[in-house]
């Protein structure tokens, strides 16, 4: 069954037509901003260190990594993924 975006009010959380809410991996948010409410999506489980599922756009195959909305991303891995380094205090 194809899912669709029901709400995407915040940049990192998307609610699907089945009522489920998913937190988007920060580096993948830009991809979801190109999706529309009519975009047909598949939710697939994945074996990944940080992500439990991926959302796949049926039309173009683009994928975004997600976790349940109630979960949080590990901050150090997010920083590394986005190329952000910790600043040393002097």
N, C-alpha and C. Protein backbone atom coordinates (compact mmCIF):
# COMPACT_ATOMS: atom_id res chain seq x y z
N UNK A 1 0.84 -1.19 0.00
CA UNK A 1 0.00 0.00 0.00
C UNK A 1 0.88 1.24 0.00
N UNK A 2 0.59 2.14 -0.89
CA UNK A 2 1.34 3.40 -0.96
C UNK A 2 0.85 4.35 0.12
N UNK A 3 1.79 5.06 0.70
CA UNK A 3 1.49 6.07 1.70
C UNK A 3 1.70 7.44 1.07
N UNK A 4 1.12 8.44 1.69
CA UNK A 4 1.30 9.82 1.23
C UNK A 4 1.59 10.69 2.43
N UNK A 5 2.12 11.87 2.18
CA UNK A 5 2.41 12.82 3.25
C UNK A 5 1.11 13.50 3.66
N UNK A 6 0.77 13.36 4.92
CA UNK A 6 -0.42 14.03 5.45
C UNK A 6 -0.05 15.40 6.03
N UNK A 7 1.12 15.47 6.70
CA UNK A 7 1.61 16.73 7.27
C UNK A 7 3.12 16.74 7.23
N UNK A 8 3.66 17.91 6.99
CA UNK A 8 5.11 18.11 7.01
C UNK A 8 5.36 19.53 7.50
N UNK A 9 4.81 19.82 8.70
CA UNK A 9 4.87 21.17 9.25
C UNK A 9 6.25 21.57 9.73
N UNK A 10 6.95 20.62 10.34
CA UNK A 10 8.30 20.91 10.79
C UNK A 10 9.27 20.28 9.82
N UNK A 11 10.46 20.81 9.79
CA UNK A 11 11.40 20.33 8.78
C UNK A 11 11.84 18.90 8.97
N UNK A 12 11.84 18.40 10.22
CA UNK A 12 12.41 17.07 10.42
C UNK A 12 11.41 15.98 10.78
N UNK A 13 10.12 16.29 10.79
CA UNK A 13 9.11 15.28 11.10
C UNK A 13 8.04 15.28 10.00
N UNK A 14 7.70 14.08 9.55
CA UNK A 14 6.67 13.94 8.53
C UNK A 14 5.60 12.98 9.05
N UNK A 15 4.34 13.34 8.85
CA UNK A 15 3.22 12.46 9.20
C UNK A 15 2.69 11.87 7.91
N UNK A 16 2.51 10.55 7.92
CA UNK A 16 2.03 9.86 6.73
C UNK A 16 0.52 9.64 6.78
N UNK A 17 -0.03 9.25 5.67
CA UNK A 17 -1.48 9.07 5.55
C UNK A 17 -2.02 7.99 6.48
N UNK A 18 -1.18 7.09 6.98
CA UNK A 18 -1.64 6.08 7.93
C UNK A 18 -1.59 6.57 9.37
N UNK A 19 -1.19 7.84 9.58
CA UNK A 19 -1.12 8.43 10.91
C UNK A 19 0.23 8.31 11.59
N UNK A 20 1.13 7.51 11.02
CA UNK A 20 2.46 7.36 11.63
C UNK A 20 3.27 8.63 11.42
N UNK A 21 4.17 8.90 12.38
CA UNK A 21 5.01 10.10 12.32
C UNK A 21 6.47 9.66 12.41
N UNK A 22 7.30 10.22 11.52
CA UNK A 22 8.68 9.81 11.38
C UNK A 22 9.62 10.99 11.42
N UNK A 23 10.73 10.83 12.15
CA UNK A 23 11.78 11.84 12.22
C UNK A 23 12.79 11.55 11.09
N UNK A 24 13.08 12.57 10.30
CA UNK A 24 13.93 12.43 9.12
C UNK A 24 15.38 12.71 9.48
N UNK A 25 16.29 11.87 8.97
CA UNK A 25 17.72 12.09 9.16
C UNK A 25 18.06 13.49 8.65
N UNK A 26 18.75 14.32 9.43
CA UNK A 26 18.97 15.73 9.05
C UNK A 26 19.52 15.94 7.64
N UNK A 27 20.43 15.11 7.19
CA UNK A 27 21.00 15.29 5.85
C UNK A 27 19.99 14.95 4.74
N UNK A 28 18.88 14.30 5.08
CA UNK A 28 17.88 13.89 4.08
C UNK A 28 16.67 14.82 4.01
N UNK A 29 16.60 15.80 4.90
CA UNK A 29 15.42 16.68 4.95
C UNK A 29 15.19 17.37 3.61
N UNK A 30 16.25 17.81 2.96
CA UNK A 30 16.10 18.53 1.69
C UNK A 30 15.35 17.69 0.66
N UNK A 31 15.55 16.38 0.68
CA UNK A 31 14.85 15.49 -0.25
C UNK A 31 13.35 15.52 0.00
N UNK A 32 12.93 15.45 1.26
CA UNK A 32 11.50 15.42 1.56
C UNK A 32 10.82 16.74 1.22
N UNK A 33 11.56 17.82 1.24
CA UNK A 33 10.97 19.11 0.90
C UNK A 33 10.59 19.20 -0.57
N UNK A 34 11.07 18.26 -1.38
CA UNK A 34 10.72 18.20 -2.79
C UNK A 34 9.54 17.27 -3.05
N UNK A 35 9.08 16.58 -2.02
CA UNK A 35 7.93 15.68 -2.15
C UNK A 35 6.65 16.46 -1.90
N UNK A 36 5.56 16.02 -2.49
CA UNK A 36 4.27 16.68 -2.38
C UNK A 36 3.27 15.75 -1.69
N UNK A 37 2.13 16.26 -1.26
CA UNK A 37 1.12 15.40 -0.63
C UNK A 37 0.65 14.26 -1.54
N UNK A 38 0.77 14.40 -2.84
CA UNK A 38 0.36 13.33 -3.76
C UNK A 38 1.47 12.33 -4.04
N UNK A 39 2.67 12.59 -3.53
CA UNK A 39 3.79 11.67 -3.75
C UNK A 39 3.51 10.34 -3.07
N UNK A 40 3.61 9.26 -3.82
CA UNK A 40 3.38 7.92 -3.26
C UNK A 40 4.69 7.40 -2.67
N UNK A 41 4.60 6.97 -1.42
CA UNK A 41 5.78 6.52 -0.69
C UNK A 41 5.60 5.11 -0.18
N UNK A 42 6.71 4.44 -0.02
CA UNK A 42 6.75 3.13 0.64
C UNK A 42 7.62 3.29 1.89
N UNK A 43 7.23 2.65 2.96
CA UNK A 43 8.01 2.63 4.19
C UNK A 43 8.64 1.24 4.30
N UNK A 44 9.96 1.21 4.34
CA UNK A 44 10.66 -0.07 4.37
C UNK A 44 11.59 -0.14 5.58
N UNK A 45 11.59 -1.25 6.31
CA UNK A 45 12.56 -1.41 7.40
C UNK A 45 13.95 -1.61 6.83
N UNK A 46 14.97 -1.14 7.55
CA UNK A 46 16.36 -1.31 7.12
C UNK A 46 17.21 -1.75 8.30
N UNK A 47 18.29 -2.40 7.98
CA UNK A 47 19.29 -2.75 8.98
C UNK A 47 20.35 -1.66 8.92
N UNK A 48 20.29 -0.73 9.85
CA UNK A 48 21.19 0.41 9.85
C UNK A 48 21.55 0.72 11.29
N UNK A 49 22.71 1.29 11.50
CA UNK A 49 23.16 1.61 12.85
C UNK A 49 22.27 2.64 13.54
N UNK A 50 21.73 3.59 12.78
CA UNK A 50 20.96 4.69 13.38
C UNK A 50 19.52 4.77 12.92
N UNK A 51 19.21 4.25 11.74
CA UNK A 51 17.88 4.40 11.17
C UNK A 51 17.15 3.06 11.20
N UNK A 52 15.85 3.12 11.48
CA UNK A 52 15.06 1.89 11.52
C UNK A 52 14.34 1.63 10.20
N UNK A 53 14.07 2.71 9.44
CA UNK A 53 13.30 2.60 8.21
C UNK A 53 13.80 3.61 7.17
N UNK A 54 13.35 3.41 5.95
CA UNK A 54 13.53 4.41 4.90
C UNK A 54 12.17 4.67 4.26
N UNK A 55 11.97 5.90 3.85
CA UNK A 55 10.82 6.26 3.03
C UNK A 55 11.32 6.32 1.60
N UNK A 56 10.62 5.63 0.70
CA UNK A 56 11.03 5.56 -0.70
C UNK A 56 9.95 6.18 -1.57
N UNK A 57 10.34 7.14 -2.38
CA UNK A 57 9.43 7.77 -3.34
C UNK A 57 9.25 6.78 -4.49
N UNK A 58 8.02 6.33 -4.71
CA UNK A 58 7.75 5.34 -5.77
C UNK A 58 8.06 5.87 -7.16
N UNK A 59 7.91 7.17 -7.38
CA UNK A 59 8.09 7.73 -8.72
C UNK A 59 9.55 7.80 -9.14
N UNK A 60 10.44 8.25 -8.24
CA UNK A 60 11.82 8.46 -8.66
C UNK A 60 12.85 7.64 -7.86
N UNK A 61 12.37 6.88 -6.88
CA UNK A 61 13.27 6.03 -6.10
C UNK A 61 14.08 6.74 -5.05
N UNK A 62 13.87 8.05 -4.88
CA UNK A 62 14.61 8.77 -3.84
C UNK A 62 14.24 8.20 -2.47
N UNK A 63 15.22 8.20 -1.57
CA UNK A 63 15.04 7.57 -0.27
C UNK A 63 15.49 8.52 0.84
N UNK A 64 14.78 8.48 1.95
CA UNK A 64 15.22 9.21 3.14
C UNK A 64 15.20 8.27 4.33
N UNK A 65 16.18 8.45 5.19
CA UNK A 65 16.29 7.62 6.39
C UNK A 65 15.44 8.23 7.50
N UNK A 66 14.73 7.38 8.23
CA UNK A 66 13.84 7.86 9.28
C UNK A 66 13.88 6.96 10.51
N UNK A 67 13.43 7.54 11.62
CA UNK A 67 13.17 6.80 12.85
C UNK A 67 11.82 7.27 13.38
N UNK A 68 11.26 6.53 14.31
CA UNK A 68 10.01 6.92 14.94
C UNK A 68 10.14 8.34 15.49
N UNK A 69 9.09 9.12 15.36
CA UNK A 69 9.11 10.52 15.79
C UNK A 69 9.50 10.69 17.25
N UNK A 70 9.16 9.73 18.09
CA UNK A 70 9.45 9.85 19.52
C UNK A 70 10.92 9.58 19.86
N UNK A 71 11.68 9.13 18.88
CA UNK A 71 13.10 8.85 19.09
C UNK A 71 13.93 10.08 18.74
N UNK A 72 15.18 10.06 19.17
CA UNK A 72 16.11 11.15 18.87
C UNK A 72 17.33 10.60 18.16
N UNK A 73 17.91 11.43 17.31
CA UNK A 73 19.13 11.03 16.62
C UNK A 73 20.31 11.17 17.57
N UNK A 74 21.31 10.29 17.46
CA UNK A 74 22.53 10.45 18.25
C UNK A 74 23.29 11.69 17.76
N UNK A 75 23.49 12.67 18.62
CA UNK A 75 24.00 13.98 18.21
C UNK A 75 25.37 13.92 17.55
N UNK A 76 26.27 13.10 18.02
CA UNK A 76 27.61 13.03 17.43
C UNK A 76 27.54 12.52 15.99
N UNK A 77 26.72 11.53 15.72
CA UNK A 77 26.59 11.00 14.36
C UNK A 77 25.95 12.03 13.43
N UNK A 78 25.01 12.81 13.95
CA UNK A 78 24.39 13.87 13.14
C UNK A 78 25.44 14.90 12.77
N UNK A 79 26.25 15.32 13.74
CA UNK A 79 27.30 16.30 13.46
C UNK A 79 28.25 15.79 12.38
N UNK A 80 28.68 14.55 12.51
CA UNK A 80 29.59 13.98 11.51
C UNK A 80 28.93 13.92 10.13
N UNK A 81 27.67 13.50 10.08
CA UNK A 81 26.95 13.39 8.81
C UNK A 81 26.83 14.74 8.11
N UNK A 82 26.65 15.79 8.90
CA UNK A 82 26.48 17.12 8.34
C UNK A 82 27.81 17.87 8.19
N UNK A 83 28.91 17.21 8.58
CA UNK A 83 30.22 17.84 8.46
C UNK A 83 30.48 18.90 9.50
N UNK A 84 29.80 18.81 10.63
CA UNK A 84 29.98 19.78 11.70
C UNK A 84 30.98 19.22 12.71
N UNK A 85 31.97 20.00 13.04
CA UNK A 85 32.96 19.55 14.02
C UNK A 85 32.76 20.32 15.32
N UNK A 86 33.10 19.68 16.40
CA UNK A 86 33.01 20.34 17.69
C UNK A 86 34.11 21.40 17.78
N UNK A 87 33.77 22.50 18.36
CA UNK A 87 34.76 23.55 18.59
C UNK A 87 35.37 23.35 19.96
N UNK A 88 36.66 23.52 20.01
CA UNK A 88 37.34 23.42 21.30
C UNK A 88 37.18 24.72 22.06
N UNK A 89 36.95 24.58 23.34
CA UNK A 89 36.91 25.77 24.19
C UNK A 89 38.33 26.12 24.60
N UNK A 90 38.62 27.40 24.56
CA UNK A 90 39.96 27.82 24.96
C UNK A 90 39.93 28.72 26.14
